[in-house]
Amino acid sequence: MNARKTIRLMVVLAAAGFGHAALAAEAGAAAADEAISKVRAAAQFLHQKGSSGYAEFNNKDGRWVWKDSYVFVYDCRQDRMMAHPMRPDLVGKPIMQITDNTGKYIFRELCKAGAEPHGGWVEYMWSKPGAGALSRKLSYSLAADIAFASGIQVSAGIYDEKLTVQELDKVLERMSDPAKYQAL
């Protein structure tokens, strides 16, 4: 792609409101808007399927895994991981005591963010699929409305060293406004 086409593409994306958050994604790296869309689709899926849908989120080759990201499901009220495609060892285990290498209680923060009306973002350190080493991860969390199960949330994250939670909140705000984001 020549420089002129690249500049045009950047202008179009910026005008569309994607800005830094969408452009930051490298080839093969999940973008913030993808994580939000996947989490919302996962919450909708669980609303329709109920707890019988958990199994689909454990499939590392399934539709809930894409690029370098994946959707995981947990129960904040029962303190349990319900589904995780990359870490099956966590499924059924308590989660509230899990910390990253900085001492941040990851799931306490995710549960708090996911309880917000449109969900929210949490920054922490986590192992990137295929990388082995810890990376900075920003996960979007959202409550899932499932019959006979309160406290269920779904999350997916992006690995990025530069994006801020405030920038990601702007993407979330744009995607939560039907006038600005027609996909809703």
N, C-alpha and C. Protein backbone atom coordinates (compact mmCIF):
# COMPACT_ATOMS: atom_id res chain seq x y z
N MET A 1 0.86 -1.16 0.00
CA MET A 1 0.00 0.00 0.00
C MET A 1 0.91 1.23 0.00
N ASN A 2 0.63 2.16 -0.88
CA ASN A 2 1.50 3.34 -0.93
C ASN A 2 1.14 4.32 0.18
N ALA A 3 2.00 5.31 0.37
CA ALA A 3 1.84 6.26 1.48
C ALA A 3 0.53 7.03 1.38
N ARG A 4 0.14 7.41 0.18
CA ARG A 4 -1.09 8.18 0.00
C ARG A 4 -2.32 7.38 0.44
N LYS A 5 -2.38 6.09 0.07
CA LYS A 5 -3.50 5.23 0.48
C LYS A 5 -3.50 5.01 1.99
N THR A 6 -2.32 4.85 2.56
CA THR A 6 -2.21 4.66 4.00
C THR A 6 -2.74 5.88 4.75
N ILE A 7 -2.37 7.06 4.30
CA ILE A 7 -2.82 8.29 4.94
C ILE A 7 -4.34 8.42 4.81
N ARG A 8 -4.87 8.11 3.63
CA ARG A 8 -6.34 8.16 3.44
C ARG A 8 -7.04 7.20 4.39
N LEU A 9 -6.51 5.99 4.52
CA LEU A 9 -7.11 5.01 5.41
C LEU A 9 -7.08 5.50 6.85
N MET A 10 -5.98 6.10 7.29
CA MET A 10 -5.88 6.62 8.65
C MET A 10 -6.87 7.75 8.88
N VAL A 11 -7.05 8.62 7.89
CA VAL A 11 -8.00 9.72 8.01
C VAL A 11 -9.42 9.18 8.11
N VAL A 12 -9.75 8.19 7.28
CA VAL A 12 -11.09 7.60 7.31
C VAL A 12 -11.35 6.94 8.66
N LEU A 13 -10.39 6.17 9.17
CA LEU A 13 -10.57 5.52 10.47
C LEU A 13 -10.70 6.54 11.59
N ALA A 14 -9.90 7.58 11.57
CA ALA A 14 -9.99 8.62 12.59
C ALA A 14 -11.34 9.33 12.53
N ALA A 15 -11.80 9.61 11.32
CA ALA A 15 -13.09 10.28 11.15
C ALA A 15 -14.23 9.39 11.62
N ALA A 16 -14.06 8.09 11.48
CA ALA A 16 -15.08 7.14 11.91
C ALA A 16 -15.09 6.97 13.43
N GLY A 17 -14.13 7.58 14.09
CA GLY A 17 -14.10 7.54 15.55
C GLY A 17 -13.27 6.43 16.12
N PHE A 18 -12.52 5.72 15.30
CA PHE A 18 -11.72 4.63 15.81
C PHE A 18 -10.45 5.12 16.46
N GLY A 19 -9.83 6.13 15.91
CA GLY A 19 -8.65 6.75 16.49
C GLY A 19 -7.58 5.77 16.90
N HIS A 20 -6.88 6.10 17.97
CA HIS A 20 -5.73 5.35 18.44
C HIS A 20 -6.08 3.92 18.83
N ALA A 21 -7.24 3.71 19.44
CA ALA A 21 -7.59 2.39 19.95
C ALA A 21 -7.70 1.35 18.86
N ALA A 22 -8.23 1.70 17.71
CA ALA A 22 -8.34 0.74 16.62
C ALA A 22 -7.04 0.65 15.84
N LEU A 23 -6.37 1.77 15.67
CA LEU A 23 -5.13 1.75 14.90
C LEU A 23 -4.00 1.07 15.64
N ALA A 24 -4.08 1.00 16.95
CA ALA A 24 -3.00 0.43 17.74
C ALA A 24 -2.86 -1.07 17.52
N ALA A 25 -3.91 -1.71 17.10
CA ALA A 25 -3.86 -3.16 16.93
C ALA A 25 -2.96 -3.53 15.76
N GLU A 26 -1.97 -4.35 16.05
CA GLU A 26 -1.09 -4.86 15.01
C GLU A 26 -1.83 -5.95 14.26
N ALA A 27 -1.29 -6.34 13.13
CA ALA A 27 -1.87 -7.47 12.40
C ALA A 27 -1.83 -8.68 13.33
N GLY A 28 -2.94 -9.34 13.48
CA GLY A 28 -3.00 -10.50 14.36
C GLY A 28 -3.29 -10.17 15.80
N ALA A 29 -3.40 -8.89 16.13
CA ALA A 29 -3.71 -8.48 17.50
C ALA A 29 -5.15 -7.98 17.56
N ALA A 30 -5.84 -8.37 18.58
CA ALA A 30 -7.23 -7.94 18.76
C ALA A 30 -7.28 -6.45 19.07
N ALA A 31 -8.32 -5.80 18.59
CA ALA A 31 -8.54 -4.37 18.83
C ALA A 31 -9.63 -4.20 19.88
N ALA A 32 -9.68 -3.03 20.47
CA ALA A 32 -10.65 -2.73 21.53
C ALA A 32 -12.09 -2.93 21.06
N ASP A 33 -12.41 -2.44 19.87
CA ASP A 33 -13.79 -2.58 19.40
C ASP A 33 -14.17 -4.04 19.16
N GLU A 34 -13.19 -4.86 18.78
CA GLU A 34 -13.46 -6.30 18.62
C GLU A 34 -13.75 -6.95 19.96
N ALA A 35 -12.96 -6.60 20.97
CA ALA A 35 -13.18 -7.16 22.31
C ALA A 35 -14.57 -6.80 22.83
N ILE A 36 -14.95 -5.55 22.67
CA ILE A 36 -16.27 -5.10 23.11
C ILE A 36 -17.37 -5.87 22.37
N SER A 37 -17.25 -5.97 21.06
CA SER A 37 -18.25 -6.68 20.26
C SER A 37 -18.35 -8.15 20.64
N LYS A 38 -17.20 -8.81 20.83
CA LYS A 38 -17.20 -10.23 21.21
C LYS A 38 -17.82 -10.44 22.59
N VAL A 39 -17.49 -9.58 23.53
CA VAL A 39 -18.04 -9.71 24.89
C VAL A 39 -19.55 -9.50 24.86
N ARG A 40 -20.01 -8.51 24.14
CA ARG A 40 -21.46 -8.28 24.04
C ARG A 40 -22.16 -9.45 23.37
N ALA A 41 -21.55 -10.00 22.33
CA ALA A 41 -22.13 -11.17 21.65
C ALA A 41 -22.15 -12.37 22.60
N ALA A 42 -21.10 -12.52 23.40
CA ALA A 42 -21.03 -13.63 24.36
C ALA A 42 -22.11 -13.48 25.44
N ALA A 43 -22.32 -12.26 25.93
CA ALA A 43 -23.36 -12.03 26.93
C ALA A 43 -24.73 -12.35 26.35
N GLN A 44 -24.95 -11.96 25.11
CA GLN A 44 -26.22 -12.27 24.42
C GLN A 44 -26.39 -13.78 24.25
N PHE A 45 -25.32 -14.44 23.85
CA PHE A 45 -25.33 -15.90 23.68
C PHE A 45 -25.71 -16.59 24.99
N LEU A 46 -25.08 -16.18 26.09
CA LEU A 46 -25.39 -16.79 27.38
C LEU A 46 -26.80 -16.46 27.85
N HIS A 47 -27.28 -15.29 27.51
CA HIS A 47 -28.67 -14.93 27.85
C HIS A 47 -29.63 -15.91 27.18
N GLN A 48 -29.32 -16.28 25.94
CA GLN A 48 -30.18 -17.20 25.19
C GLN A 48 -29.99 -18.65 25.60
N LYS A 49 -28.74 -19.08 25.81
CA LYS A 49 -28.43 -20.48 26.09
C LYS A 49 -28.45 -20.83 27.58
N GLY A 50 -28.21 -19.83 28.42
CA GLY A 50 -28.10 -20.10 29.84
C GLY A 50 -26.79 -20.80 30.16
N SER A 51 -26.75 -21.44 31.30
CA SER A 51 -25.51 -22.07 31.75
C SER A 51 -25.06 -23.22 30.84
N SER A 52 -25.95 -23.75 30.03
CA SER A 52 -25.55 -24.81 29.09
C SER A 52 -24.59 -24.28 28.02
N GLY A 53 -24.50 -22.96 27.88
CA GLY A 53 -23.59 -22.36 26.90
C GLY A 53 -22.15 -22.25 27.36
N TYR A 54 -21.88 -22.48 28.64
CA TYR A 54 -20.51 -22.33 29.15
C TYR A 54 -19.50 -23.18 28.38
N ALA A 55 -19.87 -24.39 28.05
CA ALA A 55 -18.94 -25.33 27.41
C ALA A 55 -18.34 -24.76 26.13
N GLU A 56 -19.10 -23.98 25.38
CA GLU A 56 -18.58 -23.43 24.13
C GLU A 56 -17.42 -22.47 24.34
N PHE A 57 -17.33 -21.88 25.51
CA PHE A 57 -16.25 -20.93 25.79
C PHE A 57 -14.95 -21.62 26.20
N ASN A 58 -15.01 -22.93 26.41
CA ASN A 58 -13.81 -23.69 26.76
C ASN A 58 -13.05 -24.19 25.54
N ASN A 59 -13.60 -24.02 24.36
CA ASN A 59 -13.00 -24.53 23.14
C ASN A 59 -11.96 -23.54 22.60
N LYS A 60 -10.68 -23.88 22.67
CA LYS A 60 -9.63 -22.97 22.21
C LYS A 60 -9.64 -22.78 20.69
N ASP A 61 -10.38 -23.63 19.98
CA ASP A 61 -10.50 -23.49 18.53
C ASP A 61 -11.89 -23.01 18.11
N GLY A 62 -12.67 -22.54 19.08
CA GLY A 62 -14.05 -22.13 18.82
C GLY A 62 -14.18 -20.67 18.42
N ARG A 63 -15.41 -20.26 18.29
CA ARG A 63 -15.71 -18.90 17.80
C ARG A 63 -15.40 -17.81 18.81
N TRP A 64 -15.17 -18.17 20.07
CA TRP A 64 -14.90 -17.17 21.09
C TRP A 64 -13.40 -16.90 21.26
N VAL A 65 -12.60 -17.49 20.40
CA VAL A 65 -11.16 -17.25 20.39
C VAL A 65 -10.83 -16.67 19.02
N TRP A 66 -10.14 -15.54 18.99
CA TRP A 66 -9.77 -14.90 17.73
C TRP A 66 -8.45 -14.17 17.92
N LYS A 67 -7.73 -14.02 16.86
CA LYS A 67 -6.43 -13.33 16.87
C LYS A 67 -5.64 -13.74 18.12
N ASP A 68 -5.29 -12.77 18.97
CA ASP A 68 -4.56 -13.09 20.20
C ASP A 68 -5.45 -12.91 21.43
N SER A 69 -6.76 -13.05 21.26
CA SER A 69 -7.69 -12.83 22.35
C SER A 69 -8.72 -13.95 22.44
N TYR A 70 -9.51 -13.89 23.50
CA TYR A 70 -10.52 -14.91 23.77
C TYR A 70 -11.49 -14.37 24.82
N VAL A 71 -12.68 -14.95 24.84
CA VAL A 71 -13.68 -14.61 25.84
C VAL A 71 -13.59 -15.64 26.96
N PHE A 72 -13.66 -15.16 28.20
CA PHE A 72 -13.72 -16.06 29.35
C PHE A 72 -14.91 -15.66 30.21
N VAL A 73 -15.45 -16.63 30.95
CA VAL A 73 -16.69 -16.45 31.71
C VAL A 73 -16.43 -16.81 33.17
N TYR A 74 -16.93 -15.98 34.08
CA TYR A 74 -16.72 -16.22 35.51
C TYR A 74 -17.93 -15.76 36.30
N ASP A 75 -18.03 -16.27 37.50
CA ASP A 75 -19.13 -15.97 38.40
C ASP A 75 -18.59 -15.17 39.57
N CYS A 76 -18.92 -13.90 39.62
CA CYS A 76 -18.44 -13.02 40.69
C CYS A 76 -19.07 -13.36 42.03
N ARG A 77 -20.31 -13.76 42.03
CA ARG A 77 -21.02 -14.05 43.27
C ARG A 77 -20.55 -15.37 43.88
N GLN A 78 -20.33 -16.38 43.04
CA GLN A 78 -19.91 -17.70 43.52
C GLN A 78 -18.38 -17.86 43.56
N ASP A 79 -17.64 -16.82 43.10
CA ASP A 79 -16.17 -16.87 43.12
C ASP A 79 -15.64 -18.09 42.36
N ARG A 80 -16.05 -18.20 41.08
CA ARG A 80 -15.65 -19.36 40.28
C ARG A 80 -15.41 -18.96 38.82
N MET A 81 -14.41 -19.58 38.22
CA MET A 81 -14.22 -19.48 36.78
C MET A 81 -15.17 -20.49 36.15
N MET A 82 -15.99 -20.02 35.23
CA MET A 82 -16.97 -20.89 34.59
C MET A 82 -16.45 -21.47 33.28
N ALA A 83 -15.65 -20.67 32.55
CA ALA A 83 -15.10 -21.15 31.27
C ALA A 83 -13.89 -20.32 30.89
N HIS A 84 -12.87 -20.99 30.37
CA HIS A 84 -11.65 -20.30 29.93
C HIS A 84 -10.97 -21.18 28.88
N PRO A 85 -10.91 -20.71 27.63
CA PRO A 85 -10.37 -21.55 26.56
C PRO A 85 -8.86 -21.80 26.64
N MET A 86 -8.11 -20.91 27.26
CA MET A 86 -6.66 -21.05 27.32
C MET A 86 -6.15 -21.61 28.64
N ARG A 87 -6.97 -21.51 29.66
CA ARG A 87 -6.56 -21.99 30.99
C ARG A 87 -7.64 -22.91 31.58
N PRO A 88 -7.79 -24.11 31.02
CA PRO A 88 -8.79 -25.03 31.54
C PRO A 88 -8.55 -25.40 33.00
N ASP A 89 -7.31 -25.23 33.46
CA ASP A 89 -6.99 -25.51 34.86
C ASP A 89 -7.70 -24.55 35.82
N LEU A 90 -8.17 -23.41 35.34
CA LEU A 90 -8.86 -22.44 36.19
C LEU A 90 -10.36 -22.72 36.31
N VAL A 91 -10.92 -23.47 35.37
CA VAL A 91 -12.37 -23.72 35.34
C VAL A 91 -12.80 -24.46 36.61
N GLY A 92 -13.81 -23.87 37.27
CA GLY A 92 -14.35 -24.44 38.50
C GLY A 92 -13.60 -23.99 39.75
N LYS A 93 -12.52 -23.26 39.58
CA LYS A 93 -11.68 -22.83 40.71
C LYS A 93 -12.07 -21.43 41.19
N PRO A 94 -11.76 -21.14 42.46
CA PRO A 94 -11.98 -19.78 42.98
C PRO A 94 -11.10 -18.77 42.24
N ILE A 95 -11.61 -17.55 42.04
CA ILE A 95 -10.89 -16.55 41.26
C ILE A 95 -10.57 -15.27 42.01
N MET A 96 -11.31 -14.96 43.05
CA MET A 96 -11.17 -13.66 43.70
C MET A 96 -9.80 -13.42 44.32
N GLN A 97 -9.07 -14.47 44.64
CA GLN A 97 -7.75 -14.31 45.23
C GLN A 97 -6.64 -14.21 44.18
N ILE A 98 -6.95 -14.33 42.89
CA ILE A 98 -5.93 -14.29 41.84
C ILE A 98 -5.42 -12.86 41.68
N THR A 99 -4.10 -12.72 41.77
CA THR A 99 -3.46 -11.42 41.59
C THR A 99 -2.48 -11.50 40.42
N ASP A 100 -2.17 -10.33 39.85
CA ASP A 100 -1.10 -10.30 38.85
C ASP A 100 0.22 -10.07 39.59
N ASN A 101 1.31 -9.89 38.86
CA ASN A 101 2.61 -9.76 39.52
C ASN A 101 2.80 -8.41 40.22
N THR A 102 1.84 -7.50 40.07
CA THR A 102 1.91 -6.22 40.80
C THR A 102 1.05 -6.26 42.07
N GLY A 103 0.36 -7.37 42.30
CA GLY A 103 -0.49 -7.50 43.48
C GLY A 103 -1.93 -7.10 43.25
N LYS A 104 -2.30 -6.74 42.03
CA LYS A 104 -3.68 -6.34 41.72
C LYS A 104 -4.58 -7.59 41.74
N TYR A 105 -5.69 -7.49 42.45
CA TYR A 105 -6.68 -8.56 42.46
C TYR A 105 -7.50 -8.45 41.17
N ILE A 106 -7.14 -9.24 40.20
CA ILE A 106 -7.69 -9.13 38.84
C ILE A 106 -9.20 -9.26 38.82
N PHE A 107 -9.73 -10.32 39.39
CA PHE A 107 -11.16 -10.58 39.26
C PHE A 107 -12.01 -9.68 40.15
N ARG A 108 -11.47 -9.19 41.23
CA ARG A 108 -12.19 -8.21 42.02
C ARG A 108 -12.43 -6.96 41.17
N GLU A 109 -11.38 -6.56 40.44
CA GLU A 109 -11.49 -5.39 39.56
C GLU A 109 -12.42 -5.66 38.38
N LEU A 110 -12.30 -6.85 37.77
CA LEU A 110 -13.17 -7.19 36.63
C LEU A 110 -14.63 -7.22 37.06
N CYS A 111 -14.91 -7.78 38.23
CA CYS A 111 -16.30 -7.84 38.72
C CYS A 111 -16.85 -6.44 38.97
N LYS A 112 -16.04 -5.58 39.50
CA LYS A 112 -16.46 -4.20 39.75
C LYS A 112 -16.74 -3.48 38.42
N ALA A 113 -15.83 -3.62 37.45
CA ALA A 113 -16.00 -2.96 36.15
C ALA A 113 -17.21 -3.53 35.39
N GLY A 114 -17.36 -4.85 35.44
CA GLY A 114 -18.46 -5.49 34.72
C GLY A 114 -19.83 -5.15 35.27
N ALA A 115 -19.89 -4.70 36.51
CA ALA A 115 -21.16 -4.33 37.13
C ALA A 115 -21.65 -2.95 36.69
N GLU A 116 -20.81 -2.18 36.03
CA GLU A 116 -21.21 -0.86 35.51
C GLU A 116 -22.25 -1.07 34.40
N PRO A 117 -23.12 -0.09 34.15
CA PRO A 117 -24.19 -0.25 33.16
C PRO A 117 -23.73 -0.72 31.77
N HIS A 118 -22.61 -0.23 31.28
CA HIS A 118 -22.09 -0.65 29.97
C HIS A 118 -20.82 -1.47 30.11
N GLY A 119 -20.54 -1.96 31.31
CA GLY A 119 -19.31 -2.70 31.56
C GLY A 119 -18.14 -1.75 31.73
N GLY A 120 -16.93 -2.29 31.73
CA GLY A 120 -15.76 -1.45 31.90
C GLY A 120 -14.47 -2.19 31.64
N TRP A 121 -13.39 -1.44 31.62
CA TRP A 121 -12.04 -1.95 31.32
C TRP A 121 -11.20 -2.06 32.58
N VAL A 122 -10.35 -3.07 32.62
CA VAL A 122 -9.41 -3.28 33.71
C VAL A 122 -8.05 -3.60 33.12
N GLU A 123 -7.02 -2.97 33.67
CA GLU A 123 -5.64 -3.20 33.24
C GLU A 123 -4.93 -4.10 34.24
N TYR A 124 -4.19 -5.09 33.74
CA TYR A 124 -3.42 -5.99 34.60
C TYR A 124 -2.37 -6.72 33.76
N MET A 125 -1.55 -7.51 34.42
CA MET A 125 -0.52 -8.29 33.73
C MET A 125 -1.01 -9.73 33.59
N TRP A 126 -0.85 -10.31 32.37
CA TRP A 126 -1.32 -11.67 32.12
C TRP A 126 -0.48 -12.25 31.00
N SER A 127 -0.43 -13.54 30.94
CA SER A 127 0.35 -14.22 29.90
C SER A 127 -0.40 -14.17 28.57
N LYS A 128 0.26 -13.63 27.56
CA LYS A 128 -0.32 -13.53 26.22
C LYS A 128 -0.24 -14.90 25.54
N PRO A 129 -1.34 -15.36 24.90
CA PRO A 129 -1.30 -16.66 24.24
C PRO A 129 -0.12 -16.77 23.27
N GLY A 130 0.64 -17.83 23.42
CA GLY A 130 1.78 -18.07 22.54
C GLY A 130 3.05 -17.34 22.93
N ALA A 131 2.96 -16.37 23.83
CA ALA A 131 4.14 -15.57 24.18
C ALA A 131 4.89 -16.14 25.38
N GLY A 132 4.16 -16.71 26.33
CA GLY A 132 4.80 -17.27 27.51
C GLY A 132 5.10 -16.25 28.59
N ALA A 133 5.57 -15.08 28.22
CA ALA A 133 5.90 -14.05 29.20
C ALA A 133 4.66 -13.22 29.54
N LEU A 134 4.71 -12.54 30.67
CA LEU A 134 3.61 -11.66 31.05
C LEU A 134 3.59 -10.42 30.17
N SER A 135 2.38 -9.97 29.85
CA SER A 135 2.17 -8.78 29.04
C SER A 135 1.11 -7.92 29.71
N ARG A 136 1.10 -6.66 29.35
CA ARG A 136 0.06 -5.76 29.83
C ARG A 136 -1.23 -6.08 29.07
N LYS A 137 -2.27 -6.40 29.83
CA LYS A 137 -3.55 -6.75 29.23
C LYS A 137 -4.61 -5.79 29.73
N LEU A 138 -5.50 -5.40 28.84
CA LEU A 138 -6.64 -4.55 29.17
C LEU A 138 -7.88 -5.34 28.78
N SER A 139 -8.69 -5.71 29.77
CA SER A 139 -9.86 -6.54 29.51
C SER A 139 -11.14 -5.75 29.72
N TYR A 140 -12.08 -5.99 28.82
CA TYR A 140 -13.41 -5.42 28.91
C TYR A 140 -14.30 -6.46 29.58
N SER A 141 -15.04 -6.05 30.58
CA SER A 141 -15.90 -6.94 31.36
C SER A 141 -17.34 -6.44 31.31
N LEU A 142 -18.28 -7.38 31.22
CA LEU A 142 -19.70 -7.05 31.14
C LEU A 142 -20.51 -8.13 31.83
N ALA A 143 -21.53 -7.73 32.57
CA ALA A 143 -22.43 -8.69 33.22
C ALA A 143 -23.27 -9.39 32.17
N ALA A 144 -23.52 -10.66 32.39
CA ALA A 144 -24.38 -11.45 31.50
C ALA A 144 -25.66 -11.78 32.25
N ASP A 145 -26.79 -11.53 31.63
CA ASP A 145 -28.10 -11.78 32.22
C ASP A 145 -28.50 -13.22 31.91
N ILE A 146 -28.32 -14.10 32.90
CA ILE A 146 -28.63 -15.52 32.73
C ILE A 146 -29.69 -15.91 33.76
N ALA A 147 -30.71 -16.62 33.31
CA ALA A 147 -31.77 -17.05 34.22
C ALA A 147 -31.18 -17.93 35.33
N PHE A 148 -31.61 -17.69 36.54
CA PHE A 148 -31.23 -18.46 37.72
C PHE A 148 -29.73 -18.39 38.05
N ALA A 149 -29.03 -17.39 37.53
CA ALA A 149 -27.60 -17.24 37.83
C ALA A 149 -27.25 -15.77 37.86
N SER A 150 -27.07 -15.24 39.05
CA SER A 150 -26.65 -13.84 39.14
C SER A 150 -25.15 -13.80 39.38
N GLY A 151 -24.51 -12.77 38.90
CA GLY A 151 -23.07 -12.62 39.12
C GLY A 151 -22.21 -13.10 37.97
N ILE A 152 -22.82 -13.60 36.91
CA ILE A 152 -22.04 -14.09 35.76
C ILE A 152 -21.57 -12.89 34.93
N GLN A 153 -20.29 -12.92 34.57
CA GLN A 153 -19.72 -11.88 33.72
C GLN A 153 -18.88 -12.53 32.63
N VAL A 154 -18.76 -11.80 31.53
CA VAL A 154 -17.90 -12.24 30.43
C VAL A 154 -16.86 -11.14 30.17
N SER A 155 -15.68 -11.57 29.76
CA SER A 155 -14.59 -10.62 29.49
C SER A 155 -13.76 -11.10 28.31
N ALA A 156 -13.10 -10.14 27.69
CA ALA A 156 -12.08 -10.41 26.67
C ALA A 156 -11.12 -9.25 26.73
N GLY A 157 -9.88 -9.50 26.38
CA GLY A 157 -8.89 -8.44 26.50
C GLY A 157 -8.04 -8.24 25.27
N ILE A 158 -7.31 -7.15 25.33
CA ILE A 158 -6.33 -6.83 24.30
C ILE A 158 -4.99 -6.65 25.00
N TYR A 159 -3.93 -6.92 24.27
CA TYR A 159 -2.58 -6.76 24.80
C TYR A 159 -1.99 -5.53 24.14
N ASP A 160 -1.73 -4.51 24.94
CA ASP A 160 -1.23 -3.25 24.39
C ASP A 160 -0.43 -2.54 25.46
N GLU A 161 0.70 -2.00 25.08
CA GLU A 161 1.58 -1.32 26.03
C GLU A 161 1.29 0.18 26.14
N LYS A 162 0.51 0.73 25.22
CA LYS A 162 0.34 2.19 25.17
C LYS A 162 -1.05 2.70 25.48
N LEU A 163 -2.08 1.98 25.08
CA LEU A 163 -3.45 2.45 25.29
C LEU A 163 -3.73 2.65 26.77
N THR A 164 -4.56 3.65 27.06
CA THR A 164 -4.97 3.90 28.43
C THR A 164 -6.42 3.47 28.62
N VAL A 165 -6.79 3.24 29.85
CA VAL A 165 -8.18 2.89 30.16
C VAL A 165 -9.10 4.04 29.72
N GLN A 166 -8.64 5.28 29.85
CA GLN A 166 -9.45 6.42 29.43
C GLN A 166 -9.71 6.39 27.91
N GLU A 167 -8.70 6.03 27.13
CA GLU A 167 -8.90 5.92 25.67
C GLU A 167 -9.89 4.79 25.37
N LEU A 168 -9.77 3.70 26.09
CA LEU A 168 -10.67 2.57 25.87
C LEU A 168 -12.09 2.91 26.31
N ASP A 169 -12.22 3.71 27.36
CA ASP A 169 -13.54 4.16 27.80
C ASP A 169 -14.22 4.99 26.70
N LYS A 170 -13.44 5.75 25.95
CA LYS A 170 -14.01 6.54 24.84
C LYS A 170 -14.54 5.62 23.74
N VAL A 171 -13.81 4.54 23.45
CA VAL A 171 -14.29 3.55 22.47
C VAL A 171 -15.58 2.93 22.98
N LEU A 172 -15.60 2.56 24.25
CA LEU A 172 -16.80 1.98 24.86
C LEU A 172 -17.97 2.94 24.81
N GLU A 173 -17.72 4.21 25.13
CA GLU A 173 -18.78 5.23 25.08
C GLU A 173 -19.34 5.37 23.67
N ARG A 174 -18.47 5.41 22.69
CA ARG A 174 -18.92 5.52 21.30
C ARG A 174 -19.74 4.30 20.90
N MET A 175 -19.27 3.12 21.29
CA MET A 175 -19.97 1.89 20.91
C MET A 175 -21.25 1.67 21.71
N SER A 176 -21.43 2.41 22.80
CA SER A 176 -22.65 2.29 23.61
C SER A 176 -23.71 3.28 23.20
N ASP A 177 -23.38 4.16 22.26
CA ASP A 177 -24.33 5.16 21.76
C ASP A 177 -24.84 4.72 20.39
N PRO A 178 -26.11 4.26 20.31
CA PRO A 178 -26.64 3.77 19.03
C PRO A 178 -26.58 4.80 17.90
N ALA A 179 -26.57 6.08 18.23
CA ALA A 179 -26.49 7.11 17.19
C ALA A 179 -25.11 7.15 16.57
N LYS A 180 -24.09 6.76 17.33
CA LYS A 180 -22.72 6.79 16.82
C LYS A 180 -22.24 5.43 16.33
N TYR A 181 -22.86 4.37 16.82
CA TYR A 181 -22.44 3.01 16.47
C TYR A 181 -23.67 2.21 16.10
N GLN A 182 -23.92 2.10 14.84
CA GLN A 182 -25.16 1.54 14.33
C GLN A 182 -25.31 0.05 14.56
N ALA A 183 -24.25 -0.64 15.00
CA ALA A 183 -24.32 -2.09 15.19
C ALA A 183 -25.23 -2.49 16.35
N LEU A 184 -25.55 -1.56 17.23
CA LEU A 184 -26.40 -1.91 18.38
C LEU A 184 -27.87 -1.86 18.04
